[in-house]
């Protein structure tokens, strides 16, 4: 509980510091993730999203992420984003550190509904050449349904699988379960 309170306090200070466009919280019984994002327009990068987050689980694993995405809205109901995401963390249960740079992105597909609803698919892969230390490979995949309940808030329900292949230990799962969450836009 102390870790959760500390992360909430750090997130509260980080939001005004980066002029965040949104703060997202993703939860399930075993994992919590905070993600703060901002548009890159403040730095002269149109159609980009810059963000950072922290994920922790019941095994006391702690994984930080930073990302840079380039977004293209193809139509009002379809958008694509591609970019890079860095991972750095402490895998407490197996006493290892994780570090990698992944490539990937997401696609959002708007569904016809009275409330704006969309399906979002996201994937990140860090092959061996972009994995450092004892990290051999990192893979993260997620799918979720989002509903915008206002211009400043959205709720979602989905599934995520996040695993890191560690040298001489095989695949280590940080998350492999359904989740729900909320995103607040400022």
N, C-alpha and C. Protein backbone atom coordinates (compact mmCIF):
# COMPACT_ATOMS: atom_id res chain seq x y z
N UNK A 1 0.82 -1.20 0.00
CA UNK A 1 0.00 0.00 0.00
C UNK A 1 0.87 1.26 0.00
N UNK A 2 1.98 1.19 0.72
CA UNK A 2 2.88 2.34 0.78
C UNK A 2 3.43 2.67 -0.61
N UNK A 3 3.72 1.63 -1.41
CA UNK A 3 4.22 1.84 -2.77
C UNK A 3 3.18 2.54 -3.62
N UNK A 4 1.90 2.15 -3.50
CA UNK A 4 0.82 2.76 -4.25
C UNK A 4 0.68 4.25 -3.90
N UNK A 5 0.71 4.56 -2.63
CA UNK A 5 0.60 5.96 -2.20
C UNK A 5 1.77 6.78 -2.72
N UNK A 6 2.98 6.22 -2.67
CA UNK A 6 4.16 6.93 -3.17
C UNK A 6 4.04 7.22 -4.66
N UNK A 7 3.58 6.25 -5.42
CA UNK A 7 3.44 6.44 -6.86
C UNK A 7 2.36 7.47 -7.18
N UNK A 8 1.25 7.45 -6.45
CA UNK A 8 0.21 8.45 -6.65
C UNK A 8 0.73 9.86 -6.38
N UNK A 9 1.51 10.01 -5.33
CA UNK A 9 2.08 11.33 -5.00
C UNK A 9 3.05 11.77 -6.09
N UNK A 10 3.93 10.88 -6.53
CA UNK A 10 4.86 11.23 -7.62
C UNK A 10 4.12 11.58 -8.90
N UNK A 11 3.05 10.86 -9.22
CA UNK A 11 2.26 11.15 -10.41
C UNK A 11 1.61 12.52 -10.31
N UNK A 12 1.13 12.87 -9.13
CA UNK A 12 0.49 14.17 -8.94
C UNK A 12 1.46 15.31 -9.20
N UNK A 13 2.73 15.13 -8.82
CA UNK A 13 3.73 16.16 -9.07
C UNK A 13 4.20 16.14 -10.53
N UNK A 14 4.20 14.97 -11.15
CA UNK A 14 4.68 14.85 -12.53
C UNK A 14 3.71 15.47 -13.52
N UNK A 15 2.41 15.40 -13.25
CA UNK A 15 1.42 15.91 -14.19
C UNK A 15 1.63 17.39 -14.50
N UNK A 16 1.68 18.29 -13.50
CA UNK A 16 1.89 19.69 -13.85
C UNK A 16 3.28 19.95 -14.41
N UNK A 17 4.26 19.15 -13.99
CA UNK A 17 5.63 19.39 -14.44
C UNK A 17 5.80 19.18 -15.93
N UNK A 18 5.09 18.24 -16.52
CA UNK A 18 5.22 17.99 -17.96
C UNK A 18 4.02 18.52 -18.74
N UNK A 19 3.14 19.26 -18.10
CA UNK A 19 1.94 19.77 -18.75
C UNK A 19 1.21 18.62 -19.43
N UNK A 20 0.90 17.62 -18.66
CA UNK A 20 0.36 16.37 -19.20
C UNK A 20 -0.96 16.57 -19.92
N UNK A 21 -1.14 15.82 -20.96
CA UNK A 21 -2.40 15.79 -21.66
C UNK A 21 -3.33 14.78 -20.99
N UNK A 22 -2.75 13.74 -20.37
CA UNK A 22 -3.61 12.75 -19.71
C UNK A 22 -2.85 11.98 -18.62
N UNK A 23 -3.64 11.45 -17.71
CA UNK A 23 -3.16 10.57 -16.65
C UNK A 23 -4.02 9.33 -16.70
N UNK A 24 -3.38 8.17 -16.84
CA UNK A 24 -4.10 6.90 -16.98
C UNK A 24 -3.72 5.96 -15.86
N UNK A 25 -4.72 5.27 -15.32
CA UNK A 25 -4.52 4.26 -14.28
C UNK A 25 -5.14 2.96 -14.77
N UNK A 26 -4.32 1.90 -14.83
CA UNK A 26 -4.78 0.57 -15.25
C UNK A 26 -4.59 -0.38 -14.07
N UNK A 27 -5.63 -1.15 -13.75
CA UNK A 27 -5.61 -2.01 -12.56
C UNK A 27 -6.16 -3.40 -12.82
N UNK A 28 -5.70 -4.34 -12.01
CA UNK A 28 -6.36 -5.62 -11.79
C UNK A 28 -5.95 -6.07 -10.40
N UNK A 29 -6.26 -7.27 -10.00
CA UNK A 29 -5.95 -7.72 -8.64
C UNK A 29 -4.46 -7.79 -8.34
N UNK A 30 -3.64 -7.96 -9.38
CA UNK A 30 -2.22 -8.21 -9.17
C UNK A 30 -1.30 -7.11 -9.68
N UNK A 31 -1.78 -6.21 -10.55
CA UNK A 31 -0.93 -5.24 -11.22
C UNK A 31 -1.59 -3.86 -11.24
N UNK A 32 -0.77 -2.82 -11.07
CA UNK A 32 -1.22 -1.43 -11.25
C UNK A 32 -0.22 -0.72 -12.14
N UNK A 33 -0.72 0.13 -13.03
CA UNK A 33 0.15 0.91 -13.90
C UNK A 33 -0.38 2.34 -13.99
N UNK A 34 0.53 3.31 -13.84
CA UNK A 34 0.23 4.72 -14.04
C UNK A 34 0.97 5.16 -15.29
N UNK A 35 0.29 5.93 -16.14
CA UNK A 35 0.89 6.43 -17.36
C UNK A 35 0.53 7.90 -17.51
N UNK A 36 1.53 8.76 -17.65
CA UNK A 36 1.34 10.19 -17.86
C UNK A 36 1.79 10.49 -19.28
N UNK A 37 0.93 11.15 -20.07
CA UNK A 37 1.30 11.46 -21.45
C UNK A 37 1.07 12.94 -21.75
N UNK A 38 1.77 13.41 -22.73
CA UNK A 38 1.65 14.79 -23.19
C UNK A 38 1.83 14.80 -24.70
N UNK A 39 1.26 15.79 -25.35
CA UNK A 39 1.48 15.91 -26.79
C UNK A 39 2.86 16.51 -27.01
N UNK A 40 3.48 16.15 -28.11
CA UNK A 40 4.80 16.67 -28.44
C UNK A 40 4.76 18.07 -29.03
N UNK A 41 3.56 18.64 -29.20
CA UNK A 41 3.44 19.98 -29.79
C UNK A 41 4.22 21.02 -29.01
N UNK A 42 4.36 20.83 -27.71
CA UNK A 42 5.08 21.79 -26.88
C UNK A 42 6.56 21.86 -27.26
N UNK A 43 7.08 20.80 -27.89
CA UNK A 43 8.48 20.75 -28.28
C UNK A 43 8.65 20.82 -29.79
N UNK A 44 7.59 21.24 -30.49
CA UNK A 44 7.66 21.38 -31.93
C UNK A 44 7.49 20.08 -32.71
N UNK A 45 6.97 19.04 -32.08
CA UNK A 45 6.77 17.75 -32.76
C UNK A 45 5.27 17.53 -32.92
N UNK A 46 4.74 17.89 -34.10
CA UNK A 46 3.31 17.72 -34.36
C UNK A 46 2.94 16.25 -34.41
N UNK A 47 1.70 15.94 -34.00
CA UNK A 47 1.14 14.59 -34.06
C UNK A 47 1.98 13.57 -33.29
N UNK A 48 2.60 13.98 -32.19
CA UNK A 48 3.37 13.04 -31.38
C UNK A 48 2.82 13.01 -29.96
N UNK A 49 3.14 11.93 -29.30
CA UNK A 49 2.76 11.75 -27.91
C UNK A 49 4.01 11.30 -27.15
N UNK A 50 4.28 11.97 -26.04
CA UNK A 50 5.41 11.66 -25.19
C UNK A 50 4.84 11.22 -23.85
N UNK A 51 5.38 10.14 -23.28
CA UNK A 51 4.82 9.68 -22.02
C UNK A 51 5.80 8.88 -21.19
N UNK A 52 5.41 8.69 -19.96
CA UNK A 52 6.18 7.88 -19.04
C UNK A 52 5.25 7.24 -18.04
N UNK A 53 5.64 6.08 -17.59
CA UNK A 53 4.77 5.38 -16.64
C UNK A 53 5.55 4.47 -15.73
N UNK A 54 4.82 3.92 -14.79
CA UNK A 54 5.40 2.96 -13.86
C UNK A 54 4.38 1.85 -13.61
N UNK A 55 4.86 0.62 -13.62
CA UNK A 55 4.04 -0.55 -13.39
C UNK A 55 4.62 -1.31 -12.21
N UNK A 56 3.74 -1.77 -11.33
CA UNK A 56 4.20 -2.64 -10.26
C UNK A 56 3.18 -3.73 -10.04
N UNK A 57 3.66 -4.88 -9.51
CA UNK A 57 2.76 -6.01 -9.32
C UNK A 57 2.91 -6.60 -7.92
N UNK A 58 2.14 -7.65 -7.65
CA UNK A 58 2.12 -8.26 -6.33
C UNK A 58 3.45 -8.94 -5.96
N UNK A 59 4.32 -9.17 -6.94
CA UNK A 59 5.63 -9.77 -6.67
C UNK A 59 6.68 -8.72 -6.36
N UNK A 60 6.26 -7.47 -6.17
CA UNK A 60 7.16 -6.33 -5.92
C UNK A 60 8.08 -6.03 -7.10
N UNK A 61 7.69 -6.45 -8.30
CA UNK A 61 8.40 -6.05 -9.50
C UNK A 61 8.03 -4.60 -9.80
N UNK A 62 8.98 -3.84 -10.28
CA UNK A 62 8.78 -2.42 -10.59
C UNK A 62 9.37 -2.17 -11.97
N UNK A 63 8.55 -1.66 -12.90
CA UNK A 63 9.00 -1.45 -14.28
C UNK A 63 8.58 -0.06 -14.73
N UNK A 64 9.56 0.76 -15.08
CA UNK A 64 9.30 2.09 -15.61
C UNK A 64 9.34 2.07 -17.12
N UNK A 65 8.53 2.93 -17.74
CA UNK A 65 8.51 3.03 -19.20
C UNK A 65 8.55 4.50 -19.62
N UNK A 66 9.17 4.75 -20.76
CA UNK A 66 9.09 6.05 -21.44
C UNK A 66 8.77 5.75 -22.89
N UNK A 67 7.95 6.61 -23.50
CA UNK A 67 7.55 6.34 -24.88
C UNK A 67 7.47 7.61 -25.71
N UNK A 68 7.66 7.42 -27.00
CA UNK A 68 7.49 8.46 -27.99
C UNK A 68 6.73 7.85 -29.15
N UNK A 69 5.54 8.39 -29.44
CA UNK A 69 4.68 7.86 -30.49
C UNK A 69 4.36 8.93 -31.53
N UNK A 70 4.32 8.54 -32.78
CA UNK A 70 3.84 9.40 -33.86
C UNK A 70 2.47 8.88 -34.26
N UNK A 71 1.47 9.76 -34.22
CA UNK A 71 0.09 9.35 -34.43
C UNK A 71 -0.45 9.89 -35.76
N UNK A 72 -1.24 9.08 -36.44
CA UNK A 72 -1.89 9.49 -37.68
C UNK A 72 -3.36 9.12 -37.59
N UNK A 73 -4.23 10.12 -37.62
CA UNK A 73 -5.68 9.87 -37.65
C UNK A 73 -6.09 9.76 -39.11
N UNK A 74 -6.34 8.53 -39.55
CA UNK A 74 -6.69 8.24 -40.94
C UNK A 74 -8.09 8.74 -41.26
N UNK A 75 -9.01 8.54 -40.31
CA UNK A 75 -10.39 8.98 -40.45
C UNK A 75 -10.91 9.25 -39.04
N UNK A 76 -12.11 9.78 -38.91
CA UNK A 76 -12.63 10.01 -37.55
C UNK A 76 -12.72 8.73 -36.71
N UNK A 77 -12.79 7.58 -37.36
CA UNK A 77 -12.93 6.33 -36.61
C UNK A 77 -11.70 5.42 -36.68
N UNK A 78 -10.58 5.90 -37.23
CA UNK A 78 -9.39 5.05 -37.35
C UNK A 78 -8.12 5.88 -37.14
N UNK A 79 -7.28 5.39 -36.23
CA UNK A 79 -5.99 6.05 -36.01
C UNK A 79 -4.91 5.00 -35.81
N UNK A 80 -3.70 5.35 -36.24
CA UNK A 80 -2.52 4.50 -36.08
C UNK A 80 -1.46 5.28 -35.34
N UNK A 81 -0.64 4.59 -34.55
CA UNK A 81 0.50 5.22 -33.90
C UNK A 81 1.66 4.24 -33.91
N UNK A 82 2.85 4.74 -34.22
CA UNK A 82 4.06 3.92 -34.17
C UNK A 82 5.11 4.69 -33.39
N UNK A 83 6.03 3.95 -32.76
CA UNK A 83 7.06 4.63 -32.00
C UNK A 83 8.00 3.70 -31.28
N UNK A 84 8.65 4.25 -30.27
CA UNK A 84 9.58 3.49 -29.44
C UNK A 84 9.17 3.62 -27.98
N UNK A 85 9.48 2.58 -27.21
CA UNK A 85 9.20 2.58 -25.78
C UNK A 85 10.38 1.95 -25.06
N UNK A 86 10.89 2.65 -24.06
CA UNK A 86 11.98 2.15 -23.25
C UNK A 86 11.47 1.53 -21.97
N UNK A 87 12.10 0.46 -21.54
CA UNK A 87 11.76 -0.23 -20.29
C UNK A 87 12.98 -0.24 -19.38
N UNK A 88 12.77 0.00 -18.11
CA UNK A 88 13.82 -0.12 -17.11
C UNK A 88 13.17 -0.50 -15.80
N UNK A 89 13.63 -1.61 -15.21
CA UNK A 89 12.97 -2.03 -13.99
C UNK A 89 13.73 -3.04 -13.17
N UNK A 90 13.13 -3.35 -12.04
CA UNK A 90 13.67 -4.31 -11.08
C UNK A 90 12.68 -5.46 -10.95
N UNK A 91 13.11 -6.65 -11.34
CA UNK A 91 12.28 -7.85 -11.21
C UNK A 91 12.62 -8.49 -9.88
N UNK A 92 11.93 -8.07 -8.85
CA UNK A 92 12.27 -8.43 -7.47
C UNK A 92 12.18 -9.93 -7.21
N UNK A 93 11.16 -10.57 -7.74
CA UNK A 93 10.95 -12.00 -7.46
C UNK A 93 12.12 -12.86 -7.92
N UNK A 94 12.72 -12.51 -9.06
CA UNK A 94 13.84 -13.31 -9.57
C UNK A 94 15.17 -12.57 -9.40
N UNK A 95 15.14 -11.43 -8.73
CA UNK A 95 16.35 -10.66 -8.41
C UNK A 95 17.17 -10.32 -9.66
N UNK A 96 16.50 -9.75 -10.66
CA UNK A 96 17.13 -9.33 -11.91
C UNK A 96 16.68 -7.92 -12.26
N UNK A 97 17.43 -7.26 -13.12
CA UNK A 97 16.99 -5.98 -13.67
C UNK A 97 16.58 -6.19 -15.12
N UNK A 98 15.71 -5.31 -15.60
CA UNK A 98 15.24 -5.39 -16.98
C UNK A 98 15.48 -4.05 -17.65
N UNK A 99 16.01 -4.09 -18.87
CA UNK A 99 16.17 -2.87 -19.64
C UNK A 99 16.12 -3.22 -21.12
N UNK A 100 15.34 -2.43 -21.86
CA UNK A 100 15.17 -2.69 -23.29
C UNK A 100 14.56 -1.47 -23.96
N UNK A 101 14.74 -1.42 -25.27
CA UNK A 101 14.09 -0.41 -26.11
C UNK A 101 13.24 -1.17 -27.11
N UNK A 102 11.93 -0.94 -27.06
CA UNK A 102 11.00 -1.67 -27.91
C UNK A 102 10.48 -0.78 -29.03
N UNK A 103 10.11 -1.42 -30.13
CA UNK A 103 9.41 -0.74 -31.21
C UNK A 103 8.00 -1.29 -31.25
N UNK A 104 7.06 -0.46 -31.68
CA UNK A 104 5.68 -0.92 -31.72
C UNK A 104 4.73 0.23 -31.94
N UNK A 105 3.53 0.07 -31.43
CA UNK A 105 2.53 1.11 -31.57
C UNK A 105 1.15 0.58 -31.27
N UNK A 106 0.15 1.31 -31.77
CA UNK A 106 -1.22 0.89 -31.52
C UNK A 106 -2.12 1.32 -32.67
N UNK A 107 -3.29 0.73 -32.70
CA UNK A 107 -4.33 1.10 -33.65
C UNK A 107 -5.63 1.24 -32.87
N UNK A 108 -6.36 2.31 -33.14
CA UNK A 108 -7.66 2.54 -32.51
C UNK A 108 -8.74 2.53 -33.57
N UNK A 109 -9.77 1.73 -33.33
CA UNK A 109 -10.87 1.59 -34.28
C UNK A 109 -12.15 2.03 -33.58
N UNK A 110 -12.76 3.11 -34.07
CA UNK A 110 -14.00 3.60 -33.49
C UNK A 110 -15.16 2.69 -33.86
N UNK A 111 -15.99 2.41 -32.88
CA UNK A 111 -17.17 1.58 -33.10
C UNK A 111 -18.41 2.46 -33.02
N UNK A 112 -19.41 2.18 -33.83
CA UNK A 112 -20.63 2.97 -33.81
C UNK A 112 -21.37 2.75 -32.50
N UNK A 113 -21.62 3.85 -31.78
CA UNK A 113 -22.33 3.76 -30.52
C UNK A 113 -22.78 5.15 -30.11
N UNK A 114 -23.78 5.22 -29.22
CA UNK A 114 -24.25 6.49 -28.69
C UNK A 114 -23.13 7.17 -27.90
N UNK A 115 -22.43 6.39 -27.08
CA UNK A 115 -21.25 6.86 -26.36
C UNK A 115 -20.05 6.47 -27.22
N UNK A 116 -19.09 7.39 -27.46
CA UNK A 116 -17.93 7.02 -28.29
C UNK A 116 -17.16 5.84 -27.70
N UNK A 117 -17.16 4.73 -28.41
CA UNK A 117 -16.50 3.50 -27.98
C UNK A 117 -15.49 3.12 -29.05
N UNK A 118 -14.32 2.64 -28.62
CA UNK A 118 -13.33 2.20 -29.59
C UNK A 118 -12.60 0.96 -29.09
N UNK A 119 -12.09 0.22 -30.05
CA UNK A 119 -11.24 -0.94 -29.79
C UNK A 119 -9.81 -0.49 -30.02
N UNK A 120 -8.93 -0.70 -29.04
CA UNK A 120 -7.53 -0.30 -29.15
C UNK A 120 -6.66 -1.54 -29.00
N UNK A 121 -5.82 -1.79 -30.01
CA UNK A 121 -4.85 -2.89 -29.99
C UNK A 121 -3.46 -2.27 -29.93
N UNK A 122 -2.61 -2.81 -29.04
CA UNK A 122 -1.27 -2.24 -28.87
C UNK A 122 -0.26 -3.37 -28.74
N UNK A 123 0.93 -3.14 -29.27
CA UNK A 123 1.99 -4.13 -29.17
C UNK A 123 3.37 -3.49 -29.18
N UNK A 124 4.29 -4.06 -28.39
CA UNK A 124 5.68 -3.60 -28.30
C UNK A 124 6.59 -4.81 -28.27
N UNK A 125 7.68 -4.75 -29.01
CA UNK A 125 8.65 -5.85 -29.03
C UNK A 125 10.05 -5.27 -28.98
N UNK A 126 10.85 -5.79 -28.05
CA UNK A 126 12.27 -5.44 -27.97
C UNK A 126 13.07 -6.71 -28.23
N UNK A 127 13.63 -6.84 -29.43
CA UNK A 127 14.43 -8.04 -29.73
C UNK A 127 15.75 -8.01 -28.96
N UNK A 128 16.50 -9.06 -29.07
CA UNK A 128 17.77 -9.19 -28.34
C UNK A 128 18.71 -8.03 -28.57
N UNK A 129 18.77 -7.51 -29.79
CA UNK A 129 19.71 -6.44 -30.11
C UNK A 129 19.38 -5.14 -29.36
N UNK A 130 18.10 -4.98 -28.96
CA UNK A 130 17.69 -3.78 -28.23
C UNK A 130 17.39 -4.08 -26.76
N UNK A 131 17.88 -5.21 -26.26
CA UNK A 131 17.72 -5.59 -24.86
C UNK A 131 19.09 -5.61 -24.21
N UNK A 132 19.17 -5.15 -22.98
CA UNK A 132 20.46 -4.93 -22.35
C UNK A 132 20.59 -5.69 -21.03
N UNK A 133 21.83 -5.93 -20.61
CA UNK A 133 22.09 -6.67 -19.39
C UNK A 133 21.63 -8.11 -19.54
N UNK A 134 20.91 -8.61 -18.56
CA UNK A 134 20.42 -9.99 -18.60
C UNK A 134 19.09 -10.12 -19.35
N UNK A 135 18.55 -9.02 -19.84
CA UNK A 135 17.29 -9.07 -20.60
C UNK A 135 17.59 -9.54 -22.02
N UNK A 136 16.90 -10.59 -22.44
CA UNK A 136 17.07 -11.14 -23.78
C UNK A 136 16.04 -10.61 -24.76
N UNK A 137 14.81 -10.39 -24.30
CA UNK A 137 13.72 -9.98 -25.16
C UNK A 137 12.57 -9.48 -24.28
N UNK A 138 11.81 -8.49 -24.78
CA UNK A 138 10.63 -8.00 -24.07
C UNK A 138 9.47 -7.96 -25.05
N UNK A 139 8.30 -8.47 -24.61
CA UNK A 139 7.10 -8.47 -25.45
C UNK A 139 5.92 -7.99 -24.62
N UNK A 140 5.17 -7.05 -25.18
CA UNK A 140 3.96 -6.55 -24.52
C UNK A 140 2.85 -6.43 -25.55
N UNK A 141 1.70 -7.03 -25.26
CA UNK A 141 0.54 -7.01 -26.15
C UNK A 141 -0.69 -6.66 -25.33
N UNK A 142 -1.58 -5.85 -25.86
CA UNK A 142 -2.82 -5.55 -25.14
C UNK A 142 -3.94 -5.26 -26.13
N UNK A 143 -5.15 -5.50 -25.66
CA UNK A 143 -6.37 -5.17 -26.40
C UNK A 143 -7.36 -4.67 -25.38
N UNK A 144 -8.10 -3.60 -25.75
CA UNK A 144 -9.08 -3.09 -24.80
C UNK A 144 -10.20 -2.35 -25.52
N UNK A 145 -11.33 -2.28 -24.85
CA UNK A 145 -12.48 -1.51 -25.30
C UNK A 145 -12.53 -0.25 -24.43
N UNK A 146 -12.56 0.91 -25.08
CA UNK A 146 -12.60 2.19 -24.37
C UNK A 146 -13.94 2.87 -24.63
N UNK A 147 -14.46 3.52 -23.60
CA UNK A 147 -15.68 4.32 -23.74
C UNK A 147 -15.40 5.71 -23.18
N UNK A 148 -15.59 6.73 -24.01
CA UNK A 148 -15.39 8.11 -23.58
C UNK A 148 -16.67 8.57 -22.90
N UNK A 149 -16.61 8.76 -21.59
CA UNK A 149 -17.81 9.17 -20.87
C UNK A 149 -17.95 10.69 -20.83
N UNK A 150 -16.88 11.40 -21.16
CA UNK A 150 -16.90 12.85 -21.34
C UNK A 150 -15.65 13.22 -22.14
N UNK A 151 -15.47 14.51 -22.43
CA UNK A 151 -14.28 14.93 -23.17
C UNK A 151 -13.02 14.78 -22.32
N UNK A 152 -13.19 14.75 -21.00
CA UNK A 152 -12.04 14.66 -20.10
C UNK A 152 -11.85 13.29 -19.46
N UNK A 153 -12.72 12.34 -19.70
CA UNK A 153 -12.61 11.05 -19.02
C UNK A 153 -13.04 9.89 -19.92
N UNK A 154 -12.31 8.79 -19.79
CA UNK A 154 -12.65 7.56 -20.49
C UNK A 154 -12.41 6.39 -19.54
N UNK A 155 -13.20 5.36 -19.70
CA UNK A 155 -13.02 4.12 -18.95
C UNK A 155 -12.73 3.02 -19.95
N UNK A 156 -12.04 1.97 -19.50
CA UNK A 156 -11.72 0.89 -20.42
C UNK A 156 -11.63 -0.43 -19.68
N UNK A 157 -11.78 -1.50 -20.46
CA UNK A 157 -11.66 -2.88 -19.97
C UNK A 157 -10.88 -3.63 -21.04
N UNK A 158 -9.87 -4.40 -20.61
CA UNK A 158 -9.08 -5.09 -21.61
C UNK A 158 -8.24 -6.21 -21.05
N UNK A 159 -7.23 -6.59 -21.82
CA UNK A 159 -6.34 -7.69 -21.49
C UNK A 159 -4.92 -7.30 -21.90
N UNK A 160 -3.95 -7.62 -21.05
CA UNK A 160 -2.55 -7.33 -21.38
C UNK A 160 -1.68 -8.53 -21.02
N UNK A 161 -0.68 -8.77 -21.87
CA UNK A 161 0.35 -9.76 -21.60
C UNK A 161 1.69 -9.05 -21.73
N UNK A 162 2.47 -9.08 -20.66
CA UNK A 162 3.79 -8.44 -20.64
C UNK A 162 4.77 -9.45 -20.07
N UNK A 163 5.75 -9.83 -20.91
CA UNK A 163 6.75 -10.79 -20.44
C UNK A 163 8.14 -10.36 -20.89
N UNK A 164 9.09 -10.68 -20.04
CA UNK A 164 10.49 -10.37 -20.30
C UNK A 164 11.26 -11.67 -20.26
N UNK A 165 12.02 -11.92 -21.33
CA UNK A 165 12.87 -13.11 -21.36
C UNK A 165 14.20 -12.73 -20.73
N UNK A 166 14.55 -13.46 -19.67
CA UNK A 166 15.77 -13.18 -18.91
C UNK A 166 16.78 -14.29 -19.18
N UNK A 167 18.03 -13.88 -19.40
CA UNK A 167 19.11 -14.83 -19.70
C UNK A 167 19.19 -15.91 -18.62
N UNK A 168 19.25 -17.16 -19.03
CA UNK A 168 19.37 -18.34 -18.16
C UNK A 168 18.17 -18.55 -17.24
N UNK A 169 17.07 -17.84 -17.45
CA UNK A 169 15.88 -18.02 -16.60
C UNK A 169 14.60 -18.20 -17.40
N UNK A 170 14.64 -17.92 -18.70
CA UNK A 170 13.45 -18.06 -19.53
C UNK A 170 12.52 -16.86 -19.43
N UNK A 171 11.26 -17.07 -19.81
CA UNK A 171 10.27 -16.01 -19.82
C UNK A 171 9.76 -15.72 -18.41
N UNK A 172 9.68 -14.45 -18.08
CA UNK A 172 9.16 -14.00 -16.79
C UNK A 172 7.97 -13.08 -17.06
N UNK A 173 6.78 -13.47 -16.59
CA UNK A 173 5.56 -12.69 -16.83
C UNK A 173 5.36 -11.66 -15.73
N UNK A 174 5.23 -10.40 -16.15
CA UNK A 174 4.87 -9.35 -15.21
C UNK A 174 3.36 -9.18 -15.16
N UNK A 175 2.69 -9.45 -16.28
CA UNK A 175 1.24 -9.35 -16.33
C UNK A 175 0.73 -10.27 -17.43
N UNK A 176 -0.36 -10.96 -17.15
CA UNK A 176 -1.03 -11.82 -18.11
C UNK A 176 -2.47 -11.97 -17.64
N UNK A 177 -3.24 -10.87 -17.76
CA UNK A 177 -4.58 -10.89 -17.19
C UNK A 177 -5.45 -9.76 -17.72
N UNK A 178 -6.72 -9.86 -17.40
CA UNK A 178 -7.67 -8.80 -17.72
C UNK A 178 -7.41 -7.62 -16.81
N UNK A 179 -7.80 -6.42 -17.27
CA UNK A 179 -7.64 -5.23 -16.45
C UNK A 179 -8.74 -4.23 -16.77
N UNK A 180 -8.83 -3.21 -15.94
CA UNK A 180 -9.76 -2.11 -16.19
C UNK A 180 -9.06 -0.84 -15.78
N UNK A 181 -9.59 0.29 -16.24
CA UNK A 181 -8.92 1.53 -15.87
C UNK A 181 -9.69 2.76 -16.28
N UNK A 182 -9.03 3.89 -16.03
CA UNK A 182 -9.61 5.19 -16.32
C UNK A 182 -8.52 6.11 -16.85
N UNK A 183 -8.87 6.98 -17.78
CA UNK A 183 -7.94 7.98 -18.28
C UNK A 183 -8.59 9.35 -18.12
N UNK A 184 -7.86 10.27 -17.48
CA UNK A 184 -8.34 11.64 -17.29
C UNK A 184 -7.48 12.56 -18.16
N UNK A 185 -8.15 13.41 -18.92
CA UNK A 185 -7.46 14.32 -19.82
C UNK A 185 -7.54 15.74 -19.26
N UNK A 186 -6.41 16.46 -19.32
CA UNK A 186 -6.34 17.81 -18.75
C UNK A 186 -6.30 18.85 -19.83
